[in-house]
Amino acid sequence: MTPDESDADDELSQEIWTNAVEEEPGTDDLIFTVSSISTPLCVSYTLPQGEIGTLTLYDAACRRIERMNVRGSGKVDFNSALTSGVYFVRLESADLTITRKAVLLR
C-alpha cells in the first residue's frame, strides 16, 4: 500500500479525534452515574463539598423534560411517565458540565 499525499496530517487528525471524545476532566470530587434500561431512570451524583449543581433530563430531540437543583450527594429517580427511548442526563456545576446517555426500555 502506497502512502497518499495526506499522510502528513493523519497524526493531527488522530489527536483531534482523541481529544474530542474526552468528556470530563479528571476529578476525584465528582461522581455521576446513570442507571438505565429499566424503570425508573436512576441518577447518582456526588458534587464537591458546598457546590450546587443542576441536573437536567432531555429526550432524544434535546427537549428538556425535567430539571432540578442538587447539592452534595444523592440519588434521583426520573419517573415522570417516560416512554421507551434514548435520553440524556446533564449535570452542571460552577465549572463542569457532564452529559450521559441513557436508554430506557419499558
N, C-alpha and C. Protein backbone atom coordinates (compact mmCIF):
# COMPACT_ATOMS: atom_id res chain seq x y z
N MET A 1 0.85 -1.18 0.00
CA MET A 1 0.00 0.00 0.00
C MET A 1 0.89 1.24 0.00
N THR A 2 0.63 2.12 -0.92
CA THR A 2 1.45 3.33 -1.01
C THR A 2 0.78 4.45 -0.23
N PRO A 3 1.58 5.26 0.45
CA PRO A 3 1.01 6.36 1.23
C PRO A 3 0.40 7.41 0.31
N ASP A 4 -0.68 8.01 0.74
CA ASP A 4 -1.25 9.10 -0.05
C ASP A 4 -0.65 10.42 0.39
N GLU A 5 -0.97 11.46 -0.31
CA GLU A 5 -0.35 12.75 -0.03
C GLU A 5 -0.83 13.38 1.27
N SER A 6 -1.89 12.84 1.88
CA SER A 6 -2.41 13.43 3.11
C SER A 6 -1.88 12.76 4.37
N ASP A 7 -0.90 11.88 4.26
CA ASP A 7 -0.37 11.19 5.44
C ASP A 7 0.21 12.15 6.47
N ALA A 8 0.67 13.30 6.05
CA ALA A 8 1.28 14.24 6.98
C ALA A 8 0.28 14.73 8.02
N ASP A 9 -0.99 14.82 7.65
CA ASP A 9 -1.98 15.31 8.61
C ASP A 9 -2.72 14.20 9.34
N ASP A 10 -2.40 12.94 9.09
CA ASP A 10 -3.07 11.83 9.78
C ASP A 10 -2.83 11.89 11.29
N GLU A 11 -1.63 12.21 11.69
CA GLU A 11 -1.32 12.28 13.12
C GLU A 11 -2.11 13.39 13.79
N LEU A 12 -2.24 14.53 13.11
CA LEU A 12 -3.01 15.65 13.64
C LEU A 12 -4.49 15.26 13.77
N SER A 13 -5.05 14.59 12.77
CA SER A 13 -6.44 14.16 12.83
C SER A 13 -6.67 13.20 13.98
N GLN A 14 -5.75 12.31 14.21
CA GLN A 14 -5.89 11.35 15.31
C GLN A 14 -5.89 12.09 16.64
N GLU A 15 -5.06 13.10 16.79
CA GLU A 15 -5.01 13.86 18.03
C GLU A 15 -6.32 14.61 18.27
N ILE A 16 -6.89 15.20 17.24
CA ILE A 16 -8.16 15.91 17.37
C ILE A 16 -9.26 14.94 17.78
N TRP A 17 -9.32 13.77 17.16
CA TRP A 17 -10.34 12.77 17.49
C TRP A 17 -10.22 12.33 18.94
N THR A 18 -9.02 12.05 19.38
CA THR A 18 -8.81 11.60 20.76
C THR A 18 -9.27 12.65 21.75
N ASN A 19 -8.96 13.91 21.50
CA ASN A 19 -9.37 14.97 22.42
C ASN A 19 -10.87 15.21 22.38
N ALA A 20 -11.51 14.95 21.26
CA ALA A 20 -12.94 15.21 21.13
C ALA A 20 -13.78 14.24 21.95
N VAL A 21 -13.29 13.03 22.18
CA VAL A 21 -14.10 12.06 22.91
C VAL A 21 -13.93 12.16 24.41
N GLU A 22 -13.00 12.95 24.89
CA GLU A 22 -12.86 13.14 26.33
C GLU A 22 -14.05 13.94 26.83
N GLU A 23 -14.75 13.40 27.81
CA GLU A 23 -15.98 14.02 28.25
C GLU A 23 -15.81 14.89 29.49
N GLU A 24 -14.91 14.52 30.35
CA GLU A 24 -14.80 15.24 31.60
C GLU A 24 -13.34 15.29 32.05
N PRO A 25 -12.94 16.35 32.70
CA PRO A 25 -11.60 16.39 33.25
C PRO A 25 -11.48 15.44 34.43
N GLY A 26 -10.28 15.03 34.71
CA GLY A 26 -10.08 14.13 35.85
C GLY A 26 -10.31 14.85 37.15
N THR A 27 -11.26 14.38 37.92
CA THR A 27 -11.51 14.96 39.24
C THR A 27 -11.94 13.85 40.18
N ASP A 28 -11.42 13.87 41.37
CA ASP A 28 -11.76 12.86 42.35
C ASP A 28 -13.00 13.25 43.16
N ASP A 29 -13.41 14.53 43.07
CA ASP A 29 -14.51 15.02 43.88
C ASP A 29 -15.88 14.83 43.25
N LEU A 30 -15.93 14.46 41.97
CA LEU A 30 -17.20 14.38 41.27
C LEU A 30 -17.51 12.96 40.85
N ILE A 31 -18.71 12.49 41.16
CA ILE A 31 -19.18 11.18 40.73
C ILE A 31 -20.54 11.38 40.09
N PHE A 32 -20.75 10.80 38.90
CA PHE A 32 -22.01 10.96 38.18
C PHE A 32 -22.28 9.69 37.40
N THR A 33 -23.28 8.92 37.82
CA THR A 33 -23.62 7.68 37.14
C THR A 33 -25.11 7.67 36.80
N VAL A 34 -25.42 7.05 35.68
CA VAL A 34 -26.80 6.94 35.22
C VAL A 34 -27.09 5.47 35.01
N SER A 35 -28.11 4.96 35.69
CA SER A 35 -28.55 3.57 35.51
C SER A 35 -29.79 3.59 34.65
N SER A 36 -29.69 2.98 33.48
CA SER A 36 -30.83 3.00 32.58
C SER A 36 -31.26 1.58 32.25
N ILE A 37 -31.98 1.41 31.23
CA ILE A 37 -32.58 0.19 30.71
C ILE A 37 -33.91 -0.07 31.41
N SER A 38 -33.98 0.04 32.71
CA SER A 38 -35.24 -0.28 33.40
C SER A 38 -35.87 0.99 33.98
N THR A 39 -37.09 0.85 34.42
CA THR A 39 -37.80 1.97 35.03
C THR A 39 -37.59 1.92 36.52
N PRO A 40 -37.40 2.99 37.23
CA PRO A 40 -37.21 4.34 36.73
C PRO A 40 -35.76 4.57 36.32
N LEU A 41 -35.54 5.64 35.60
CA LEU A 41 -34.20 6.05 35.22
C LEU A 41 -33.54 6.64 36.47
N CYS A 42 -32.46 6.06 36.91
CA CYS A 42 -31.84 6.42 38.19
C CYS A 42 -30.50 7.12 37.97
N VAL A 43 -30.31 8.24 38.65
CA VAL A 43 -29.08 9.03 38.55
C VAL A 43 -28.49 9.19 39.94
N SER A 44 -27.20 8.87 40.08
CA SER A 44 -26.48 9.10 41.33
C SER A 44 -25.41 10.15 41.08
N TYR A 45 -25.20 11.03 42.04
CA TYR A 45 -24.23 12.10 41.87
C TYR A 45 -23.56 12.42 43.20
N THR A 46 -22.36 12.93 43.11
CA THR A 46 -21.63 13.49 44.24
C THR A 46 -20.87 14.71 43.73
N LEU A 47 -21.20 15.86 44.27
CA LEU A 47 -20.52 17.10 43.91
C LEU A 47 -19.51 17.44 45.00
N PRO A 48 -18.49 18.22 44.68
CA PRO A 48 -17.56 18.67 45.72
C PRO A 48 -18.32 19.40 46.83
N GLN A 49 -17.82 19.30 48.03
CA GLN A 49 -18.48 19.86 49.20
C GLN A 49 -18.84 21.33 49.00
N GLY A 50 -20.10 21.64 49.29
CA GLY A 50 -20.57 23.02 49.21
C GLY A 50 -20.97 23.48 47.83
N GLU A 51 -20.76 22.67 46.79
CA GLU A 51 -21.07 23.09 45.44
C GLU A 51 -22.52 22.75 45.08
N ILE A 52 -23.16 23.64 44.35
CA ILE A 52 -24.53 23.44 43.89
C ILE A 52 -24.49 23.12 42.41
N GLY A 53 -25.35 22.19 41.99
CA GLY A 53 -25.40 21.82 40.57
C GLY A 53 -26.82 21.76 40.08
N THR A 54 -26.94 21.55 38.77
CA THR A 54 -28.25 21.40 38.14
C THR A 54 -28.26 20.08 37.40
N LEU A 55 -29.29 19.30 37.61
CA LEU A 55 -29.47 18.02 36.95
C LEU A 55 -30.64 18.18 35.98
N THR A 56 -30.40 17.90 34.68
CA THR A 56 -31.41 18.10 33.67
C THR A 56 -31.58 16.84 32.83
N LEU A 57 -32.82 16.48 32.54
CA LEU A 57 -33.14 15.32 31.71
C LEU A 57 -33.68 15.82 30.38
N TYR A 58 -33.09 15.32 29.26
CA TYR A 58 -33.51 15.68 27.92
C TYR A 58 -33.94 14.43 27.17
N ASP A 59 -34.86 14.57 26.23
CA ASP A 59 -35.19 13.45 25.36
C ASP A 59 -34.23 13.45 24.16
N ALA A 60 -34.42 12.50 23.23
CA ALA A 60 -33.51 12.35 22.10
C ALA A 60 -33.54 13.56 21.16
N ALA A 61 -34.62 14.32 21.17
CA ALA A 61 -34.73 15.51 20.34
C ALA A 61 -34.21 16.76 21.08
N CYS A 62 -33.55 16.57 22.20
CA CYS A 62 -32.97 17.63 23.03
C CYS A 62 -34.00 18.57 23.64
N ARG A 63 -35.20 18.06 23.88
CA ARG A 63 -36.21 18.83 24.60
C ARG A 63 -36.06 18.54 26.09
N ARG A 64 -36.06 19.60 26.89
CA ARG A 64 -35.91 19.44 28.33
C ARG A 64 -37.19 18.84 28.91
N ILE A 65 -37.03 17.77 29.68
CA ILE A 65 -38.16 17.09 30.29
C ILE A 65 -38.29 17.47 31.76
N GLU A 66 -37.16 17.48 32.45
CA GLU A 66 -37.18 17.78 33.88
C GLU A 66 -35.86 18.40 34.28
N ARG A 67 -35.92 19.31 35.28
CA ARG A 67 -34.71 19.99 35.75
C ARG A 67 -34.82 20.19 37.25
N MET A 68 -33.71 19.99 37.95
CA MET A 68 -33.72 20.20 39.41
C MET A 68 -32.34 20.64 39.88
N ASN A 69 -32.33 21.40 40.95
CA ASN A 69 -31.08 21.81 41.59
C ASN A 69 -30.67 20.74 42.58
N VAL A 70 -29.38 20.44 42.63
CA VAL A 70 -28.86 19.42 43.53
C VAL A 70 -27.65 19.96 44.28
N ARG A 71 -27.36 19.33 45.41
CA ARG A 71 -26.21 19.73 46.23
C ARG A 71 -25.67 18.50 46.93
N GLY A 72 -24.35 18.44 47.11
CA GLY A 72 -23.73 17.34 47.83
C GLY A 72 -23.83 16.02 47.10
N SER A 73 -24.37 15.00 47.78
CA SER A 73 -24.53 13.68 47.19
C SER A 73 -26.00 13.30 47.20
N GLY A 74 -26.38 12.44 46.26
CA GLY A 74 -27.76 12.00 46.25
C GLY A 74 -28.07 11.06 45.11
N LYS A 75 -29.34 10.71 45.07
CA LYS A 75 -29.84 9.80 44.05
C LYS A 75 -31.19 10.33 43.60
N VAL A 76 -31.41 10.39 42.30
CA VAL A 76 -32.66 10.90 41.75
C VAL A 76 -33.24 9.85 40.81
N ASP A 77 -34.54 9.58 40.97
CA ASP A 77 -35.26 8.69 40.06
C ASP A 77 -36.15 9.55 39.19
N PHE A 78 -35.88 9.53 37.88
CA PHE A 78 -36.75 10.23 36.94
C PHE A 78 -37.86 9.26 36.56
N ASN A 79 -39.05 9.47 37.06
CA ASN A 79 -40.16 8.55 36.83
C ASN A 79 -41.38 9.32 36.33
N SER A 80 -41.16 10.33 35.52
CA SER A 80 -42.26 11.17 35.07
C SER A 80 -42.88 10.61 33.79
N ALA A 81 -43.40 9.39 33.87
CA ALA A 81 -44.08 8.74 32.75
C ALA A 81 -43.23 8.72 31.49
N LEU A 82 -41.97 8.37 31.63
CA LEU A 82 -41.07 8.31 30.48
C LEU A 82 -41.41 7.10 29.61
N THR A 83 -41.38 7.31 28.31
CA THR A 83 -41.60 6.21 27.38
C THR A 83 -40.26 5.59 27.03
N SER A 84 -40.28 4.45 26.39
CA SER A 84 -39.04 3.82 25.94
C SER A 84 -38.33 4.75 24.97
N GLY A 85 -37.02 4.80 25.08
CA GLY A 85 -36.25 5.65 24.17
C GLY A 85 -34.90 6.02 24.72
N VAL A 86 -34.25 6.93 24.02
CA VAL A 86 -32.93 7.42 24.40
C VAL A 86 -33.10 8.78 25.09
N TYR A 87 -32.41 8.95 26.19
CA TYR A 87 -32.46 10.19 26.95
C TYR A 87 -31.04 10.64 27.27
N PHE A 88 -30.89 11.91 27.60
CA PHE A 88 -29.61 12.46 28.01
C PHE A 88 -29.80 13.13 29.36
N VAL A 89 -28.87 12.85 30.26
CA VAL A 89 -28.90 13.44 31.60
C VAL A 89 -27.65 14.31 31.73
N ARG A 90 -27.84 15.57 32.09
CA ARG A 90 -26.72 16.51 32.19
C ARG A 90 -26.60 17.01 33.61
N LEU A 91 -25.37 16.96 34.14
CA LEU A 91 -25.05 17.52 35.45
C LEU A 91 -24.16 18.73 35.20
N GLU A 92 -24.62 19.89 35.66
CA GLU A 92 -23.86 21.13 35.50
C GLU A 92 -23.54 21.69 36.88
N SER A 93 -22.28 22.10 37.06
CA SER A 93 -21.88 22.78 38.28
C SER A 93 -21.15 24.05 37.87
N ALA A 94 -20.54 24.72 38.82
CA ALA A 94 -19.91 26.01 38.55
C ALA A 94 -18.89 25.96 37.41
N ASP A 95 -18.08 24.93 37.37
CA ASP A 95 -17.02 24.90 36.36
C ASP A 95 -16.96 23.58 35.59
N LEU A 96 -18.05 22.80 35.61
CA LEU A 96 -18.01 21.49 34.97
C LEU A 96 -19.39 21.11 34.46
N THR A 97 -19.43 20.53 33.27
CA THR A 97 -20.68 20.01 32.71
C THR A 97 -20.41 18.61 32.19
N ILE A 98 -21.23 17.64 32.61
CA ILE A 98 -21.09 16.26 32.17
C ILE A 98 -22.44 15.79 31.65
N THR A 99 -22.45 15.13 30.50
CA THR A 99 -23.68 14.59 29.93
C THR A 99 -23.52 13.09 29.75
N ARG A 100 -24.53 12.34 30.14
CA ARG A 100 -24.55 10.89 29.98
C ARG A 100 -25.78 10.49 29.18
N LYS A 101 -25.64 9.45 28.39
CA LYS A 101 -26.75 8.93 27.61
C LYS A 101 -27.40 7.79 28.39
N ALA A 102 -28.72 7.69 28.30
CA ALA A 102 -29.45 6.62 28.97
C ALA A 102 -30.46 6.04 27.98
N VAL A 103 -30.61 4.72 28.03
CA VAL A 103 -31.60 4.02 27.21
C VAL A 103 -32.63 3.43 28.15
N LEU A 104 -33.89 3.73 27.90
CA LEU A 104 -34.96 3.27 28.76
C LEU A 104 -35.88 2.33 27.96
N LEU A 105 -36.07 1.13 28.50
CA LEU A 105 -36.96 0.15 27.88
C LEU A 105 -38.09 -0.16 28.84
N ARG A 106 -39.29 -0.14 28.37
CA ARG A 106 -40.46 -0.48 29.19
C ARG A 106 -41.08 -1.75 28.71
